[in-house]
Amino acid sequence: MFRVLALILALLIPAGAFAKPIPIKVVVLTTFETGASSAKTSGEFQAWAARYPLTTPVKVPGIEGRVLMSSDGVLGVVTGMRARARESVAALLLDPNLDLSHAYWVIAGIAGVDPRAGSIGSAAWANWVVDADPIFEQDDREIPKDWPWGLYSLDTKRPGVKGAAPGSSDMVWRMDPGLTQWAFQLTKDIALPDNPHLAATRARFPSEPAAQKPPHVFIGDDLGTVRFWHGDLRTQWARDWVKIWTDGQGVFAMTECEDQGIMDVLALYGRAGRVDIRRVLVLRTASNYTREGDGLPQMLEFTEGGAGAAFEAAYLVGAPVVKALVAGWDRYATTIPQAKP
């Protein structure tokens, strides 16, 4: 009788259901890999896997990319791009085998940089993430003459007005400023890789002092949209969009395709008590500029060596923060680190 009951329970209850969930200290989110996973230019994840290192495979239902764990409690994830990132983060949060209640989250991926804010190969810690997906769009060839572009907020009737997107997105998220500043202070003097291709690209922006600096670490805000956009006018739109949604406090620096979805999922689960939204750090590194150089046609051309420099910068800047969180876990498990005054 007892053998029959045990067999029934074994069939009904998933393997590991009685095991204690694995406590995760830090989740590192990257969005893509390309080609051989061992190649230096294989994408955002390889440096973390090989050099942190992350060695133990973890199977998370709903995540297509690799998930690897280190021996000291760091979980590295290839989320997939655009909407796949949102789905992957939800899958992590729903996995009963992972304890993410005290986890810090480090988003470490490449992006396009506004030449007014920074330079190619540079790394930016974000104070703000702004969503630009829930949006009204009117064909630019048909917009009223006094409109700068045909993109504008939901719940409004024209560009330049802050609206609302209930049921779609929180639209704007502010990172914990003390944590962001702590990460910046820890990494601001890190030397980032440079090469002649990056230098030649910087030279195309004589009107933008920030764009001409060698790769460096700075604080700059983040706009996320699944649309891959480019150009002078769209860059000005992004500056205005970030300014509107942050009530003038944010300054657009980096644009990418995933952070808005990641933050929206984390915020939803944060309100349910499943994750601490204050423990999120957003690091984006510049593989290209958001517009072409001064006086050049606005046709997107990726800089040779730009992606490789951005992959390397993401690890060089992100890894010291992850290691510091783990090394100080006796304190940071319960107390979020803050920058010294």
C-alpha atoms as a PDB file:
ATOM      1  CA  MET A   1       0.000   0.000   0.000  1.00  0.00           C
ATOM      2  CA  PHE A   2       2.755   2.432   0.986  1.00  0.00           C
ATOM      3  CA  ARG A   3       4.725   1.546  -2.148  1.00  0.00           C
ATOM      4  CA  VAL A   4       1.691   2.323  -4.299  1.00  0.00           C
ATOM      5  CA  LEU A   5       1.167   5.659  -2.531  1.00  0.00           C
ATOM      6  CA  ALA A   6       4.827   6.560  -2.959  1.00  0.00           C
ATOM      7  CA  LEU A   7       4.632   5.728  -6.664  1.00  0.00           C
ATOM      8  CA  ILE A   8       1.532   7.904  -7.105  1.00  0.00           C
ATOM      9  CA  LEU A   9       3.192  10.850  -5.324  1.00  0.00           C
ATOM     10  CA  ALA A  10       6.316  10.443  -7.431  1.00  0.00           C
ATOM     11  CA  LEU A  11       4.236  10.638 -10.586  1.00  0.00           C
ATOM     12  CA  LEU A  12       2.172  13.625  -9.452  1.00  0.00           C
ATOM     13  CA  ILE A  13       4.821  15.845  -7.825  1.00  0.00           C
ATOM     14  CA  PRO A  14       7.582  17.279 -10.039  1.00  0.00           C
ATOM     15  CA  ALA A  15      11.151  16.268  -9.319  1.00  0.00           C
ATOM     16  CA  GLY A  16      12.808  18.705  -6.927  1.00  0.00           C
ATOM     17  CA  ALA A  17       9.511  20.020  -5.581  1.00  0.00           C
ATOM     18  CA  PHE A  18      10.604  19.239  -2.024  1.00  0.00           C
ATOM     19  CA  ALA A  19      14.153  20.571  -2.545  1.00  0.00           C
ATOM     20  CA  LYS A  20      15.048  23.938  -1.054  1.00  0.00           C
ATOM     21  CA  PRO A  21      15.195  26.677  -3.725  1.00  0.00           C
ATOM     22  CA  ILE A  22      18.686  27.831  -4.698  1.00  0.00           C
ATOM     23  CA  PRO A  23      19.416  31.276  -3.179  1.00  0.00           C
ATOM     24  CA  ILE A  24      20.662  33.621  -5.917  1.00  0.00           C
ATOM     25  CA  LYS A  25      22.779  36.631  -4.978  1.00  0.00           C
ATOM     26  CA  VAL A  26      23.069  38.329  -8.363  1.00  0.00           C
ATOM     27  CA  VAL A  27      21.311  37.784 -11.698  1.00  0.00           C
ATOM     28  CA  VAL A  28      23.252  38.996 -14.737  1.00  0.00           C
ATOM     29  CA  LEU A  29      20.966  39.529 -17.717  1.00  0.00           C
ATOM     30  CA  THR A  30      22.394  39.569 -21.231  1.00  0.00           C
ATOM     31  CA  THR A  31      20.227  39.448 -24.324  1.00  0.00           C
ATOM     32  CA  PHE A  32      21.940  37.557 -27.140  1.00  0.00           C
ATOM     33  CA  GLU A  33      24.706  35.330 -28.432  1.00  0.00           C
ATOM     34  CA  THR A  34      25.757  34.823 -32.033  1.00  0.00           C
ATOM     35  CA  GLY A  35      27.900  32.124 -33.583  1.00  0.00           C
ATOM     36  CA  ALA A  36      30.163  29.868 -31.548  1.00  0.00           C
ATOM     37  CA  SER A  37      29.762  30.425 -27.834  1.00  0.00           C
ATOM     38  CA  SER A  38      33.548  30.387 -27.405  1.00  0.00           C
ATOM     39  CA  ALA A  39      34.243  33.196 -29.858  1.00  0.00           C
ATOM     40  CA  LYS A  40      35.219  36.626 -28.538  1.00  0.00           C
ATOM     41  CA  THR A  41      32.599  38.264 -30.729  1.00  0.00           C
ATOM     42  CA  SER A  42      29.859  35.766 -29.909  1.00  0.00           C
ATOM     43  CA  GLY A  43      27.689  38.253 -28.048  1.00  0.00           C
ATOM     44  CA  GLU A  44      26.985  39.713 -24.653  1.00  0.00           C
ATOM     45  CA  PHE A  45      27.188  36.517 -22.589  1.00  0.00           C
ATOM     46  CA  GLN A  46      30.461  34.821 -23.463  1.00  0.00           C
ATOM     47  CA  ALA A  47      32.783  36.973 -21.350  1.00  0.00           C
ATOM     48  CA  TRP A  48      30.630  36.324 -18.290  1.00  0.00           C
ATOM     49  CA  ALA A  49      30.507  32.592 -18.913  1.00  0.00           C
ATOM     50  CA  ALA A  50      34.222  32.181 -19.562  1.00  0.00           C
ATOM     51  CA  ARG A  51      35.805  34.729 -17.263  1.00  0.00           C
ATOM     52  CA  TYR A  52      33.583  35.144 -14.211  1.00  0.00           C
ATOM     53  CA  PRO A  53      33.219  32.129 -14.600  1.00  0.00           C
ATOM     54  CA  LEU A  54      29.698  30.736 -14.880  1.00  0.00           C
ATOM     55  CA  THR A  55      30.002  26.966 -15.154  1.00  0.00           C
ATOM     56  CA  THR A  56      26.890  25.085 -14.029  1.00  0.00           C
ATOM     57  CA  PRO A  57      23.984  24.834 -16.519  1.00  0.00           C
ATOM     58  CA  VAL A  58      20.545  25.541 -15.098  1.00  0.00           C
ATOM     59  CA  LYS A  59      17.383  24.578 -16.955  1.00  0.00           C
ATOM     60  CA  VAL A  60      14.625  27.159 -16.627  1.00  0.00           C
ATOM     61  CA  PRO A  61      11.403  26.357 -18.521  1.00  0.00           C
ATOM     62  CA  GLY A  62      10.504  29.212 -20.847  1.00  0.00           C
ATOM     63  CA  ILE A  63      14.068  30.438 -21.447  1.00  0.00           C
ATOM     64  CA  GLU A  64      15.563  29.571 -24.805  1.00  0.00           C
ATOM     65  CA  GLY A  65      19.073  30.912 -24.193  1.00  0.00           C
ATOM     66  CA  ARG A  66      21.786  29.644 -21.905  1.00  0.00           C
ATOM     67  CA  VAL A  67      21.436  29.910 -18.142  1.00  0.00           C
ATOM     68  CA  LEU A  68      24.600  29.243 -16.135  1.00  0.00           C
ATOM     69  CA  MET A  69      25.410  29.582 -12.448  1.00  0.00           C
ATOM     70  CA  SER A  70      28.676  30.265 -10.645  1.00  0.00           C
ATOM     71  CA  SER A  71      29.916  28.593  -7.504  1.00  0.00           C
ATOM     72  CA  ASP A  72      29.291  31.775  -5.501  1.00  0.00           C
ATOM     73  CA  GLY A  73      25.610  32.323  -6.275  1.00  0.00           C
ATOM     74  CA  VAL A  74      25.622  34.353  -9.494  1.00  0.00           C
ATOM     75  CA  LEU A  75      23.142  33.388 -12.213  1.00  0.00           C
ATOM     76  CA  GLY A  76      23.899  34.449 -15.787  1.00  0.00           C
ATOM     77  CA  VAL A  77      21.116  34.433 -18.371  1.00  0.00           C
ATOM     78  CA  VAL A  78      20.776  34.927 -22.123  1.00  0.00           C
ATOM     79  CA  THR A  79      17.247  36.291 -22.153  1.00  0.00           C
ATOM     80  CA  GLY A  80      16.720  36.663 -25.874  1.00  0.00           C
ATOM     81  CA  MET A  81      16.025  39.993 -27.498  1.00  0.00           C
ATOM     82  CA  ARG A  82      13.020  42.305 -27.513  1.00  0.00           C
ATOM     83  CA  ALA A  83       9.899  40.576 -26.131  1.00  0.00           C
ATOM     84  CA  ARG A  84      11.838  37.386 -25.400  1.00  0.00           C
ATOM     85  CA  ALA A  85      13.639  39.238 -22.587  1.00  0.00           C
ATOM     86  CA  ARG A  86      10.331  40.006 -20.885  1.00  0.00           C
ATOM     87  CA  GLU A  87       9.280  36.366 -21.132  1.00  0.00           C
ATOM     88  CA  SER A  88      12.606  35.091 -19.820  1.00  0.00           C
ATOM     89  CA  VAL A  89      12.560  37.310 -16.745  1.00  0.00           C
ATOM     90  CA  ALA A  90       9.029  36.158 -15.944  1.00  0.00           C
ATOM     91  CA  ALA A  91      10.178  32.551 -16.319  1.00  0.00           C
ATOM     92  CA  LEU A  92      13.002  33.154 -13.844  1.00  0.00           C
ATOM     93  CA  LEU A  93      10.656  34.709 -11.313  1.00  0.00           C
ATOM     94  CA  LEU A  94       8.199  31.828 -11.607  1.00  0.00           C
ATOM     95  CA  ASP A  95      10.770  29.055 -11.301  1.00  0.00           C
ATOM     96  CA  PRO A  96      10.215  27.389  -7.898  1.00  0.00           C
ATOM     97  CA  ASN A  97      13.811  26.144  -7.846  1.00  0.00           C
ATOM     98  CA  LEU A  98      15.265  29.671  -7.623  1.00  0.00           C
ATOM     99  CA  ASP A  99      15.111  31.945  -4.597  1.00  0.00           C
ATOM    100  CA  LEU A 100      15.354  35.493  -6.011  1.00  0.00           C
ATOM    101  CA  SER A 101      13.938  37.297  -2.988  1.00  0.00           C
ATOM    102  CA  HIS A 102      17.259  38.997  -2.146  1.00  0.00           C
ATOM    103  CA  ALA A 103      18.836  38.955  -5.599  1.00  0.00           C
ATOM    104  CA  TYR A 104      20.426  41.955  -7.256  1.00  0.00           C
ATOM    105  CA  TRP A 105      19.862  42.281 -10.983  1.00  0.00           C
ATOM    106  CA  VAL A 106      22.507  43.599 -13.379  1.00  0.00           C
ATOM    107  CA  ILE A 107      21.369  44.196 -16.946  1.00  0.00           C
ATOM    108  CA  ALA A 108      24.555  44.195 -19.035  1.00  0.00           C
ATOM    109  CA  GLY A 109      24.064  44.685 -22.762  1.00  0.00           C
ATOM    110  CA  ILE A 110      25.075  46.792 -25.736  1.00  0.00           C
ATOM    111  CA  ALA A 111      23.213  49.811 -27.071  1.00  0.00           C
ATOM    112  CA  GLY A 112      23.290  52.867 -29.289  1.00  0.00           C
ATOM    113  CA  VAL A 113      24.659  56.023 -27.663  1.00  0.00           C
ATOM    114  CA  ASP A 114      23.534  59.595 -28.214  1.00  0.00           C
ATOM    115  CA  PRO A 115      26.673  61.461 -29.355  1.00  0.00           C
ATOM    116  CA  ARG A 116      25.573  64.379 -27.185  1.00  0.00           C
ATOM    117  CA  ALA A 117      25.853  62.140 -24.103  1.00  0.00           C
ATOM    118  CA  GLY A 118      28.782  59.793 -24.681  1.00  0.00           C
ATOM    119  CA  SER A 119      31.057  57.973 -27.080  1.00  0.00           C
ATOM    120  CA  ILE A 120      31.201  54.635 -28.808  1.00  0.00           C
ATOM    121  CA  GLY A 121      32.756  51.922 -26.625  1.00  0.00           C
ATOM    122  CA  SER A 122      31.652  53.699 -23.445  1.00  0.00           C
ATOM    123  CA  ALA A 123      29.559  52.301 -20.589  1.00  0.00           C
ATOM    124  CA  ALA A 124      26.638  54.049 -18.889  1.00  0.00           C
ATOM    125  CA  TRP A 125      24.897  53.252 -15.611  1.00  0.00           C
ATOM    126  CA  ALA A 126      21.276  54.406 -15.858  1.00  0.00           C
ATOM    127  CA  ASN A 127      19.334  56.361 -13.269  1.00  0.00           C
ATOM    128  CA  TRP A 128      16.187  56.090 -15.408  1.00  0.00           C
ATOM    129  CA  VAL A 129      14.708  53.577 -17.839  1.00  0.00           C
ATOM    130  CA  VAL A 130      11.930  54.891 -20.079  1.00  0.00           C
ATOM    131  CA  ASP A 131       9.564  52.833 -22.228  1.00  0.00           C
ATOM    132  CA  ALA A 132       8.837  53.983 -25.774  1.00  0.00           C
ATOM    133  CA  ASP A 133       6.755  51.024 -26.944  1.00  0.00           C
ATOM    134  CA  PRO A 134       3.188  52.026 -25.935  1.00  0.00           C
ATOM    135  CA  ILE A 135       2.924  54.879 -28.397  1.00  0.00           C
ATOM    136  CA  PHE A 136       0.674  56.482 -30.981  1.00  0.00           C
ATOM    137  CA  GLU A 137       2.233  56.810 -34.416  1.00  0.00           C
ATOM    138  CA  GLN A 138       1.119  58.878 -37.374  1.00  0.00           C
ATOM    139  CA  ASP A 139       2.970  58.606 -40.656  1.00  0.00           C
ATOM    140  CA  ASP A 140       5.642  61.341 -40.715  1.00  0.00           C
ATOM    141  CA  ARG A 141       4.613  62.235 -44.274  1.00  0.00           C
ATOM    142  CA  GLU A 142       1.117  63.092 -43.041  1.00  0.00           C
ATOM    143  CA  ILE A 143       1.694  64.831 -39.712  1.00  0.00           C
ATOM    144  CA  PRO A 144       0.473  68.410 -39.062  1.00  0.00           C
ATOM    145  CA  LYS A 145       2.984  71.048 -40.099  1.00  0.00           C
ATOM    146  CA  ASP A 146       3.640  72.155 -36.533  1.00  0.00           C
ATOM    147  CA  TRP A 147       4.505  68.627 -35.306  1.00  0.00           C
ATOM    148  CA  PRO A 148       8.205  67.678 -35.121  1.00  0.00           C
ATOM    149  CA  TRP A 149       7.397  63.955 -35.652  1.00  0.00           C
ATOM    150  CA  GLY A 150       4.497  61.556 -35.684  1.00  0.00           C
ATOM    151  CA  LEU A 151       5.230  59.726 -32.405  1.00  0.00           C
ATOM    152  CA  TYR A 152       3.348  60.729 -29.281  1.00  0.00           C
ATOM    153  CA  SER A 153       2.191  59.384 -25.917  1.00  0.00           C
ATOM    154  CA  LEU A 154      -0.946  57.378 -25.306  1.00  0.00           C
ATOM    155  CA  ASP A 155      -3.728  59.417 -23.729  1.00  0.00           C
ATOM    156  CA  THR A 156      -2.566  62.558 -25.591  1.00  0.00           C
ATOM    157  CA  LYS A 157      -3.304  64.166 -28.939  1.00  0.00           C
ATOM    158  CA  ARG A 158       0.086  65.487 -30.019  1.00  0.00           C
ATOM    159  CA  PRO A 159       3.838  65.133 -29.454  1.00  0.00           C
ATOM    160  CA  GLY A 160       5.554  66.759 -26.507  1.00  0.00           C
ATOM    161  CA  VAL A 161       2.941  65.843 -23.911  1.00  0.00           C
ATOM    162  CA  LYS A 162       3.280  63.274 -21.132  1.00  0.00           C
ATOM    163  CA  GLY A 163       0.444  60.774 -21.240  1.00  0.00           C
ATOM    164  CA  ALA A 164      -0.292  57.483 -19.504  1.00  0.00           C
ATOM    165  CA  ALA A 165      -0.370  53.817 -20.458  1.00  0.00           C
ATOM    166  CA  PRO A 166      -2.457  51.972 -17.861  1.00  0.00           C
ATOM    167  CA  GLY A 167      -2.653  48.279 -18.580  1.00  0.00           C
ATOM    168  CA  SER A 168       0.341  48.507 -20.929  1.00  0.00           C
ATOM    169  CA  SER A 169       3.379  49.667 -18.985  1.00  0.00           C
ATOM    170  CA  ASP A 170       4.571  51.707 -16.014  1.00  0.00           C
ATOM    171  CA  MET A 171       6.463  53.671 -18.702  1.00  0.00           C
ATOM    172  CA  VAL A 172       9.250  55.019 -16.476  1.00  0.00           C
ATOM    173  CA  TRP A 173      11.383  53.518 -13.710  1.00  0.00           C
ATOM    174  CA  ARG A 174      13.952  55.210 -11.518  1.00  0.00           C
ATOM    175  CA  MET A 175      16.805  53.067 -10.289  1.00  0.00           C
ATOM    176  CA  ASP A 176      17.849  53.375  -6.664  1.00  0.00           C
ATOM    177  CA  PRO A 177      20.098  56.474  -6.973  1.00  0.00           C
ATOM    178  CA  GLY A 178      22.410  55.459  -4.134  1.00  0.00           C
ATOM    179  CA  LEU A 179      22.978  51.991  -5.605  1.00  0.00           C
ATOM    180  CA  THR A 180      23.589  53.383  -9.088  1.00  0.00           C
ATOM    181  CA  GLN A 181      26.027  55.935  -7.736  1.00  0.00           C
ATOM    182  CA  TRP A 182      27.785  53.208  -5.721  1.00  0.00           C
ATOM    183  CA  ALA A 183      28.246  51.135  -8.880  1.00  0.00           C
ATOM    184  CA  PHE A 184      29.483  54.180 -10.780  1.00  0.00           C
ATOM    185  CA  GLN A 185      31.986  55.163  -8.083  1.00  0.00           C
ATOM    186  CA  LEU A 186      33.297  51.611  -8.071  1.00  0.00           C
ATOM    187  CA  THR A 187      33.856  51.530 -11.837  1.00  0.00           C
ATOM    188  CA  LYS A 188      34.336  55.095 -13.062  1.00  0.00           C
ATOM    189  CA  ASP A 189      38.116  54.811 -13.462  1.00  0.00           C
ATOM    190  CA  ILE A 190      38.155  51.485 -15.326  1.00  0.00           C
ATOM    191  CA  ALA A 191      40.108  51.688 -18.585  1.00  0.00           C
ATOM    192  CA  LEU A 192      37.937  50.564 -21.509  1.00  0.00           C
ATOM    193  CA  PRO A 193      39.213  49.165 -24.817  1.00  0.00           C
ATOM    194  CA  ASP A 194      39.785  51.543 -27.708  1.00  0.00           C
ATOM    195  CA  ASN A 195      40.856  50.952 -31.301  1.00  0.00           C
ATOM    196  CA  PRO A 196      41.495  52.944 -34.496  1.00  0.00           C
ATOM    197  CA  HIS A 197      38.010  52.185 -35.851  1.00  0.00           C
ATOM    198  CA  LEU A 198      36.365  53.727 -32.784  1.00  0.00           C
ATOM    199  CA  ALA A 199      38.672  56.733 -32.967  1.00  0.00           C
ATOM    200  CA  ALA A 200      37.828  57.287 -36.648  1.00  0.00           C
ATOM    201  CA  THR A 201      34.113  57.121 -35.875  1.00  0.00           C
ATOM    202  CA  ARG A 202      34.443  59.600 -32.992  1.00  0.00           C
ATOM    203  CA  ALA A 203      36.101  62.056 -35.356  1.00  0.00           C
ATOM    204  CA  ARG A 204      32.850  62.316 -37.347  1.00  0.00           C
ATOM    205  CA  PHE A 205      31.273  64.333 -34.508  1.00  0.00           C
ATOM    206  CA  PRO A 206      33.253  67.578 -34.212  1.00  0.00           C
ATOM    207  CA  SER A 207      30.166  69.367 -32.859  1.00  0.00           C
ATOM    208  CA  GLU A 208      29.720  66.925 -29.947  1.00  0.00           C
ATOM    209  CA  PRO A 209      32.503  67.003 -27.326  1.00  0.00           C
ATOM    210  CA  ALA A 210      31.101  63.968 -25.487  1.00  0.00           C
ATOM    211  CA  ALA A 211      31.166  61.880 -28.670  1.00  0.00           C
ATOM    212  CA  GLN A 212      34.871  62.531 -29.158  1.00  0.00           C
ATOM    213  CA  LYS A 213      36.027  61.241 -25.780  1.00  0.00           C
ATOM    214  CA  PRO A 214      37.764  57.869 -25.629  1.00  0.00           C
ATOM    215  CA  PRO A 215      35.604  55.092 -24.152  1.00  0.00           C
ATOM    216  CA  HIS A 216      34.753  55.813 -20.522  1.00  0.00           C
ATOM    217  CA  VAL A 217      32.227  55.075 -17.778  1.00  0.00           C
ATOM    218  CA  PHE A 218      29.484  57.589 -17.072  1.00  0.00           C
ATOM    219  CA  ILE A 219      25.911  57.911 -15.822  1.00  0.00           C
ATOM    220  CA  GLY A 220      23.315  58.211 -18.574  1.00  0.00           C
ATOM    221  CA  ASP A 221      19.681  57.314 -18.962  1.00  0.00           C
ATOM    222  CA  ASP A 222      18.114  54.586 -21.016  1.00  0.00           C
ATOM    223  CA  LEU A 223      15.275  54.482 -23.550  1.00  0.00           C
ATOM    224  CA  GLY A 224      13.873  51.098 -24.532  1.00  0.00           C
ATOM    225  CA  THR A 225      11.830  50.268 -27.594  1.00  0.00           C
ATOM    226  CA  VAL A 226      11.524  47.093 -29.651  1.00  0.00           C
ATOM    227  CA  ARG A 227      11.817  49.267 -32.769  1.00  0.00           C
ATOM    228  CA  PHE A 228      15.419  49.581 -33.933  1.00  0.00           C
ATOM    229  CA  TRP A 229      15.578  53.258 -34.874  1.00  0.00           C
ATOM    230  CA  HIS A 230      18.344  55.576 -36.082  1.00  0.00           C
ATOM    231  CA  GLY A 231      18.877  59.126 -37.278  1.00  0.00           C
ATOM    232  CA  ASP A 232      19.198  62.768 -36.295  1.00  0.00           C
ATOM    233  CA  LEU A 233      15.479  63.466 -35.894  1.00  0.00           C
ATOM    234  CA  ARG A 234      14.792  60.243 -34.020  1.00  0.00           C
ATOM    235  CA  THR A 235      17.670  61.053 -31.672  1.00  0.00           C
ATOM    236  CA  GLN A 236      16.066  64.403 -30.899  1.00  0.00           C
ATOM    237  CA  TRP A 237      12.741  62.633 -30.368  1.00  0.00           C
ATOM    238  CA  ALA A 238      14.419  60.248 -27.885  1.00  0.00           C
ATOM    239  CA  ARG A 239      15.914  63.163 -25.954  1.00  0.00           C
ATOM    240  CA  ASP A 240      12.508  64.778 -25.683  1.00  0.00           C
ATOM    241  CA  TRP A 241      10.727  61.506 -24.825  1.00  0.00           C
ATOM    242  CA  VAL A 242      13.069  60.802 -21.905  1.00  0.00           C
ATOM    243  CA  LYS A 243      12.790  64.387 -20.697  1.00  0.00           C
ATOM    244  CA  ILE A 244       8.978  64.310 -20.814  1.00  0.00           C
ATOM    245  CA  TRP A 245       8.555  60.981 -19.030  1.00  0.00           C
ATOM    246  CA  THR A 246      11.107  61.751 -16.298  1.00  0.00           C
ATOM    247  CA  ASP A 247       9.633  65.219 -15.711  1.00  0.00           C
ATOM    248  CA  GLY A 248      12.866  66.820 -16.839  1.00  0.00           C
ATOM    249  CA  GLN A 249      15.111  64.794 -14.519  1.00  0.00           C
ATOM    250  CA  GLY A 250      16.480  62.262 -17.006  1.00  0.00           C
ATOM    251  CA  VAL A 251      18.948  62.801 -19.846  1.00  0.00           C
ATOM    252  CA  PHE A 252      18.851  60.379 -22.760  1.00  0.00           C
ATOM    253  CA  ALA A 253      22.114  58.504 -23.337  1.00  0.00           C
ATOM    254  CA  MET A 254      21.501  54.920 -24.455  1.00  0.00           C
ATOM    255  CA  THR A 255      18.853  53.197 -26.550  1.00  0.00           C
ATOM    256  CA  GLU A 256      18.187  49.466 -26.647  1.00  0.00           C
ATOM    257  CA  CYS A 257      15.356  46.974 -27.164  1.00  0.00           C
ATOM    258  CA  GLU A 258      14.847  45.114 -23.873  1.00  0.00           C
ATOM    259  CA  ASP A 259      15.175  47.144 -20.664  1.00  0.00           C
ATOM    260  CA  GLN A 260      11.643  48.513 -20.772  1.00  0.00           C
ATOM    261  CA  GLY A 261      10.221  44.976 -20.830  1.00  0.00           C
ATOM    262  CA  ILE A 262      12.580  43.730 -18.155  1.00  0.00           C
ATOM    263  CA  MET A 263      11.775  46.615 -15.832  1.00  0.00           C
ATOM    264  CA  ASP A 264       8.040  46.286 -16.359  1.00  0.00           C
ATOM    265  CA  VAL A 265       8.108  42.592 -15.398  1.00  0.00           C
ATOM    266  CA  LEU A 266      10.355  43.215 -12.391  1.00  0.00           C
ATOM    267  CA  ALA A 267       8.078  46.018 -11.220  1.00  0.00           C
ATOM    268  CA  LEU A 268       4.974  43.839 -11.529  1.00  0.00           C
ATOM    269  CA  TYR A 269       6.541  41.037  -9.519  1.00  0.00           C
ATOM    270  CA  GLY A 270       8.033  43.563  -7.126  1.00  0.00           C
ATOM    271  CA  ARG A 271       4.556  44.757  -6.223  1.00  0.00           C
ATOM    272  CA  ALA A 272       3.697  41.126  -5.516  1.00  0.00           C
ATOM    273  CA  GLY A 273       6.665  40.803  -3.161  1.00  0.00           C
ATOM    274  CA  ARG A 274       8.589  38.352  -5.364  1.00  0.00           C
ATOM    275  CA  VAL A 275      11.571  40.618  -6.077  1.00  0.00           C
ATOM    276  CA  ASP A 276      13.124  43.822  -4.706  1.00  0.00           C
ATOM    277  CA  ILE A 277      12.940  46.361  -7.528  1.00  0.00           C
ATOM    278  CA  ARG A 278      15.406  48.611  -5.690  1.00  0.00           C
ATOM    279  CA  ARG A 279      18.131  46.040  -6.374  1.00  0.00           C
ATOM    280  CA  VAL A 280      18.297  46.587 -10.131  1.00  0.00           C
ATOM    281  CA  LEU A 281      21.278  48.049 -11.967  1.00  0.00           C
ATOM    282  CA  VAL A 282      21.160  48.875 -15.679  1.00  0.00           C
ATOM    283  CA  LEU A 283      24.454  48.976 -17.563  1.00  0.00           C
ATOM    284  CA  ARG A 284      24.511  49.628 -21.292  1.00  0.00           C
ATOM    285  CA  THR A 285      27.616  49.901 -23.461  1.00  0.00           C
ATOM    286  CA  ALA A 286      27.810  51.692 -26.794  1.00  0.00           C
ATOM    287  CA  SER A 287      28.355  49.653 -29.942  1.00  0.00           C
ATOM    288  CA  ASN A 288      27.213  52.475 -32.255  1.00  0.00           C
ATOM    289  CA  TYR A 289      25.915  56.034 -32.266  1.00  0.00           C
ATOM    290  CA  THR A 290      22.209  56.832 -32.596  1.00  0.00           C
ATOM    291  CA  ARG A 291      22.885  59.073 -35.584  1.00  0.00           C
ATOM    292  CA  GLU A 292      25.515  59.398 -38.271  1.00  0.00           C
ATOM    293  CA  GLY A 293      28.302  61.951 -37.989  1.00  0.00           C
ATOM    294  CA  ASP A 294      27.904  65.673 -38.590  1.00  0.00           C
ATOM    295  CA  GLY A 295      26.743  66.386 -42.119  1.00  0.00           C
ATOM    296  CA  LEU A 296      26.587  62.726 -43.153  1.00  0.00           C
ATOM    297  CA  PRO A 297      23.531  60.933 -44.605  1.00  0.00           C
ATOM    298  CA  GLN A 298      21.478  59.323 -41.862  1.00  0.00           C
ATOM    299  CA  MET A 299      22.042  55.730 -42.960  1.00  0.00           C
ATOM    300  CA  LEU A 300      22.912  53.270 -40.194  1.00  0.00           C
ATOM    301  CA  GLU A 301      26.393  51.810 -40.587  1.00  0.00           C
ATOM    302  CA  PHE A 302      27.820  49.746 -37.757  1.00  0.00           C
ATOM    303  CA  THR A 303      31.363  50.669 -36.767  1.00  0.00           C
ATOM    304  CA  GLU A 304      33.896  47.908 -37.226  1.00  0.00           C
ATOM    305  CA  GLY A 305      35.000  46.822 -33.786  1.00  0.00           C
ATOM    306  CA  GLY A 306      32.145  48.644 -32.079  1.00  0.00           C
ATOM    307  CA  ALA A 307      30.263  45.555 -30.943  1.00  0.00           C
ATOM    308  CA  GLY A 308      33.406  43.809 -29.698  1.00  0.00           C
ATOM    309  CA  ALA A 309      34.432  46.873 -27.692  1.00  0.00           C
ATOM    310  CA  ALA A 310      30.942  47.112 -26.205  1.00  0.00           C
ATOM    311  CA  PHE A 311      30.878  43.406 -25.259  1.00  0.00           C
ATOM    312  CA  GLU A 312      34.195  43.815 -23.480  1.00  0.00           C
ATOM    313  CA  ALA A 313      33.174  47.038 -21.743  1.00  0.00           C
ATOM    314  CA  ALA A 314      30.014  45.421 -20.371  1.00  0.00           C
ATOM    315  CA  TYR A 315      32.053  42.723 -18.655  1.00  0.00           C
ATOM    316  CA  LEU A 316      34.898  44.986 -17.528  1.00  0.00           C
ATOM    317  CA  VAL A 317      32.471  47.397 -15.877  1.00  0.00           C
ATOM    318  CA  GLY A 318      29.793  44.957 -14.755  1.00  0.00           C
ATOM    319  CA  ALA A 319      31.954  42.213 -13.241  1.00  0.00           C
ATOM    320  CA  PRO A 320      33.572  44.309 -10.475  1.00  0.00           C
ATOM    321  CA  VAL A 321      30.111  45.327  -9.271  1.00  0.00           C
ATOM    322  CA  VAL A 322      28.864  41.740  -9.260  1.00  0.00           C
ATOM    323  CA  LYS A 323      31.986  40.570  -7.419  1.00  0.00           C
ATOM    324  CA  ALA A 324      31.673  43.359  -4.854  1.00  0.00           C
ATOM    325  CA  LEU A 325      28.054  42.418  -4.151  1.00  0.00           C
ATOM    326  CA  VAL A 326      29.030  38.784  -3.629  1.00  0.00           C
ATOM    327  CA  ALA A 327      32.094  39.633  -1.527  1.00  0.00           C
ATOM    328  CA  GLY A 328      30.003  41.849   0.728  1.00  0.00           C
ATOM    329  CA  TRP A 329      27.031  39.504   0.928  1.00  0.00           C
ATOM    330  CA  ASP A 330      27.036  39.446   4.729  1.00  0.00           C
ATOM    331  CA  ARG A 331      25.898  43.078   4.518  1.00  0.00           C
ATOM    332  CA  TYR A 332      24.320  43.334   1.088  1.00  0.00           C
ATOM    333  CA  ALA A 333      21.897  40.465   1.552  1.00  0.00           C
ATOM    334  CA  THR A 334      19.890  42.761   3.812  1.00  0.00           C
ATOM    335  CA  THR A 335      21.266  46.249   3.119  1.00  0.00           C
ATOM    336  CA  ILE A 336      21.509  47.790  -0.353  1.00  0.00           C
ATOM    337  CA  PRO A 337      24.935  49.413  -0.862  1.00  0.00           C
ATOM    338  CA  GLN A 338      24.942  53.174  -1.192  1.00  0.00           C
ATOM    339  CA  ALA A 339      27.553  55.602  -2.487  1.00  0.00           C
ATOM    340  CA  LYS A 340      29.564  57.414   0.142  1.00  0.00           C
ATOM    341  CA  PRO A 341      28.748  61.133   0.423  1.00  0.00           C
END
